[in-house]
């Protein structure tokens, strides 16, 4: 989920209980150095990885998917 650009950190926290800092530590540990660097450049400040920065239409889709996952 962390590798996927469209999955917000909030969704990872909801499903796995890892906050953004913990996801970053996990990715740093599991990826090669160059892959981690590319991933960090890609997701840093990216509006799709942070629900607060997402357009309203995308937030609705995330909330709907989260609600379905909690059943």
N, C-alpha and C. Protein backbone atom coordinates (compact mmCIF):
# COMPACT_ATOMS: atom_id res chain seq x y z
N UNK A 1 0.82 -1.19 0.00
CA UNK A 1 0.00 0.00 0.00
C UNK A 1 0.86 1.26 0.00
N UNK A 2 1.97 1.22 0.70
CA UNK A 2 2.83 2.40 0.76
C UNK A 2 3.46 2.70 -0.59
N UNK A 3 3.75 1.67 -1.36
CA UNK A 3 4.37 1.87 -2.67
C UNK A 3 3.39 2.52 -3.63
N UNK A 4 2.12 2.22 -3.51
CA UNK A 4 1.07 2.75 -4.38
C UNK A 4 0.90 4.24 -4.14
N UNK A 5 1.00 5.04 -5.17
CA UNK A 5 0.92 6.49 -5.04
C UNK A 5 -0.45 7.00 -4.60
N UNK A 6 -1.51 6.29 -4.93
CA UNK A 6 -2.85 6.80 -4.64
C UNK A 6 -3.37 6.40 -3.26
N UNK A 7 -2.67 5.56 -2.55
CA UNK A 7 -3.12 5.12 -1.23
C UNK A 7 -2.61 6.11 -0.18
N UNK A 8 -3.50 6.80 0.52
CA UNK A 8 -3.05 7.78 1.51
C UNK A 8 -2.48 7.09 2.76
N UNK A 9 -1.59 7.80 3.43
CA UNK A 9 -1.01 7.29 4.67
C UNK A 9 -2.10 7.00 5.70
N UNK A 10 -3.18 7.76 5.66
CA UNK A 10 -4.28 7.54 6.60
C UNK A 10 -4.92 6.17 6.39
N UNK A 11 -4.99 5.71 5.15
CA UNK A 11 -5.55 4.38 4.88
C UNK A 11 -4.64 3.29 5.43
N UNK A 12 -3.35 3.50 5.33
CA UNK A 12 -2.38 2.54 5.88
C UNK A 12 -2.51 2.51 7.40
N UNK A 13 -2.67 3.69 8.00
CA UNK A 13 -2.83 3.76 9.46
C UNK A 13 -4.11 3.05 9.90
N UNK A 14 -5.18 3.22 9.15
CA UNK A 14 -6.45 2.59 9.49
C UNK A 14 -6.35 1.07 9.40
N UNK A 15 -5.73 0.59 8.34
CA UNK A 15 -5.69 -0.85 8.12
C UNK A 15 -4.60 -1.56 8.92
N UNK A 16 -3.43 -0.92 9.07
CA UNK A 16 -2.30 -1.61 9.68
C UNK A 16 -1.81 -0.98 10.99
N UNK A 17 -2.35 0.18 11.35
CA UNK A 17 -1.95 0.83 12.59
C UNK A 17 -0.57 1.48 12.54
N UNK A 18 -0.07 1.76 11.34
CA UNK A 18 1.23 2.41 11.19
C UNK A 18 1.02 3.86 10.78
N UNK A 19 1.63 4.78 11.53
CA UNK A 19 1.52 6.18 11.13
C UNK A 19 2.54 6.46 10.02
N UNK A 20 2.54 7.66 9.50
CA UNK A 20 3.40 8.00 8.37
C UNK A 20 4.88 7.77 8.69
N UNK A 21 5.32 8.18 9.88
CA UNK A 21 6.73 8.00 10.26
C UNK A 21 7.11 6.52 10.31
N UNK A 22 6.20 5.70 10.80
CA UNK A 22 6.46 4.26 10.87
C UNK A 22 6.51 3.63 9.48
N UNK A 23 5.66 4.11 8.58
CA UNK A 23 5.68 3.62 7.20
C UNK A 23 7.00 3.99 6.55
N UNK A 24 7.47 5.20 6.78
CA UNK A 24 8.75 5.64 6.21
C UNK A 24 9.89 4.76 6.74
N UNK A 25 9.88 4.47 8.06
CA UNK A 25 10.92 3.60 8.63
C UNK A 25 10.87 2.21 8.00
N UNK A 26 9.66 1.69 7.83
CA UNK A 26 9.48 0.37 7.22
C UNK A 26 10.02 0.36 5.79
N UNK A 27 9.66 1.37 5.02
CA UNK A 27 10.10 1.45 3.63
C UNK A 27 11.63 1.60 3.57
N UNK A 28 12.19 2.39 4.47
CA UNK A 28 13.65 2.57 4.50
C UNK A 28 14.34 1.23 4.78
N UNK A 29 13.77 0.45 5.68
CA UNK A 29 14.35 -0.84 6.06
C UNK A 29 14.20 -1.89 4.95
N UNK A 30 13.06 -1.88 4.25
CA UNK A 30 12.76 -2.95 3.30
C UNK A 30 13.23 -2.68 1.87
N UNK A 31 13.39 -1.42 1.50
CA UNK A 31 13.79 -1.10 0.13
C UNK A 31 15.29 -0.90 0.02
N UNK A 32 15.81 -1.09 -1.19
CA UNK A 32 17.19 -0.71 -1.44
C UNK A 32 17.29 0.80 -1.27
N UNK A 33 18.47 1.28 -0.96
CA UNK A 33 18.68 2.71 -0.73
C UNK A 33 18.18 3.56 -1.89
N UNK A 34 18.51 3.17 -3.11
CA UNK A 34 18.11 3.96 -4.28
C UNK A 34 16.59 3.91 -4.47
N UNK A 35 15.99 2.76 -4.22
CA UNK A 35 14.53 2.64 -4.35
C UNK A 35 13.82 3.48 -3.30
N UNK A 36 14.35 3.48 -2.08
CA UNK A 36 13.76 4.30 -1.02
C UNK A 36 13.85 5.78 -1.39
N UNK A 37 15.00 6.20 -1.87
CA UNK A 37 15.18 7.61 -2.24
C UNK A 37 14.18 8.01 -3.32
N UNK A 38 14.00 7.18 -4.33
CA UNK A 38 13.04 7.48 -5.39
C UNK A 38 11.62 7.52 -4.85
N UNK A 39 11.28 6.59 -3.97
CA UNK A 39 9.95 6.56 -3.36
C UNK A 39 9.70 7.84 -2.55
N UNK A 40 10.67 8.23 -1.73
CA UNK A 40 10.51 9.44 -0.90
C UNK A 40 10.33 10.68 -1.78
N UNK A 41 11.10 10.77 -2.84
CA UNK A 41 10.94 11.92 -3.75
C UNK A 41 9.55 11.92 -4.36
N UNK A 42 9.04 10.73 -4.68
CA UNK A 42 7.73 10.61 -5.32
C UNK A 42 6.59 10.97 -4.37
N UNK A 43 6.66 10.55 -3.11
CA UNK A 43 5.52 10.74 -2.20
C UNK A 43 5.62 11.98 -1.32
N UNK A 44 6.78 12.60 -1.22
CA UNK A 44 6.92 13.78 -0.37
C UNK A 44 6.03 14.92 -0.86
N UNK A 45 5.09 15.29 -0.01
CA UNK A 45 4.20 16.40 -0.34
C UNK A 45 3.17 16.07 -1.41
N UNK A 46 3.11 14.84 -1.84
CA UNK A 46 2.17 14.43 -2.89
C UNK A 46 0.75 14.47 -2.34
N UNK A 47 -0.15 15.13 -3.03
CA UNK A 47 -1.51 15.29 -2.51
C UNK A 47 -2.26 13.97 -2.41
N UNK A 48 -1.88 12.96 -3.19
CA UNK A 48 -2.59 11.69 -3.10
C UNK A 48 -2.14 10.84 -1.92
N UNK A 49 -1.01 11.13 -1.31
CA UNK A 49 -0.55 10.36 -0.17
C UNK A 49 -0.99 10.98 1.15
N UNK A 50 -1.56 12.15 1.11
CA UNK A 50 -1.99 12.84 2.32
C UNK A 50 -3.45 13.26 2.13
N UNK A 51 -4.33 12.68 2.91
CA UNK A 51 -5.76 12.92 2.71
C UNK A 51 -6.12 14.40 2.86
N UNK A 52 -5.41 15.12 3.71
CA UNK A 52 -5.69 16.54 3.90
C UNK A 52 -5.38 17.34 2.64
N UNK A 53 -4.51 16.84 1.78
CA UNK A 53 -4.13 17.54 0.56
C UNK A 53 -4.90 17.07 -0.67
N UNK A 54 -5.73 16.03 -0.49
CA UNK A 54 -6.47 15.46 -1.62
C UNK A 54 -7.63 16.36 -2.05
N UNK A 55 -7.96 16.34 -3.33
CA UNK A 55 -9.18 17.02 -3.78
C UNK A 55 -10.40 16.38 -3.12
N UNK A 56 -11.44 17.13 -2.92
CA UNK A 56 -12.63 16.66 -2.21
C UNK A 56 -13.21 15.41 -2.85
N UNK A 57 -13.18 15.29 -4.16
CA UNK A 57 -13.74 14.11 -4.82
C UNK A 57 -12.99 12.84 -4.45
N UNK A 58 -11.69 12.93 -4.27
CA UNK A 58 -10.90 11.77 -3.90
C UNK A 58 -11.09 11.40 -2.44
N UNK A 59 -11.30 12.37 -1.59
CA UNK A 59 -11.52 12.11 -0.17
C UNK A 59 -12.79 11.30 0.01
N UNK A 60 -13.83 11.65 -0.72
CA UNK A 60 -15.09 10.91 -0.65
C UNK A 60 -14.87 9.45 -1.02
N UNK A 61 -14.11 9.20 -2.09
CA UNK A 61 -13.84 7.83 -2.51
C UNK A 61 -13.10 7.06 -1.43
N UNK A 62 -12.12 7.68 -0.77
CA UNK A 62 -11.36 7.02 0.29
C UNK A 62 -12.26 6.68 1.46
N UNK A 63 -13.08 7.62 1.88
CA UNK A 63 -13.95 7.38 3.02
C UNK A 63 -14.94 6.26 2.73
N UNK A 64 -15.44 6.21 1.50
CA UNK A 64 -16.37 5.15 1.12
C UNK A 64 -15.66 3.80 1.17
N UNK A 65 -14.45 3.73 0.63
CA UNK A 65 -13.69 2.48 0.63
C UNK A 65 -13.34 2.06 2.06
N UNK A 66 -12.99 3.01 2.91
CA UNK A 66 -12.67 2.69 4.31
C UNK A 66 -13.89 2.15 5.03
N UNK A 67 -15.04 2.71 4.76
CA UNK A 67 -16.27 2.26 5.39
C UNK A 67 -16.58 0.82 4.96
N UNK A 68 -16.38 0.50 3.69
CA UNK A 68 -16.61 -0.85 3.20
C UNK A 68 -15.64 -1.85 3.82
N UNK A 69 -14.41 -1.41 4.05
CA UNK A 69 -13.40 -2.28 4.62
C UNK A 69 -13.63 -2.60 6.09
N UNK A 70 -14.42 -1.79 6.77
CA UNK A 70 -14.67 -2.00 8.19
C UNK A 70 -15.84 -2.93 8.47
N UNK A 71 -16.46 -3.46 7.45
CA UNK A 71 -17.61 -4.35 7.65
C UNK A 71 -17.19 -5.71 8.09
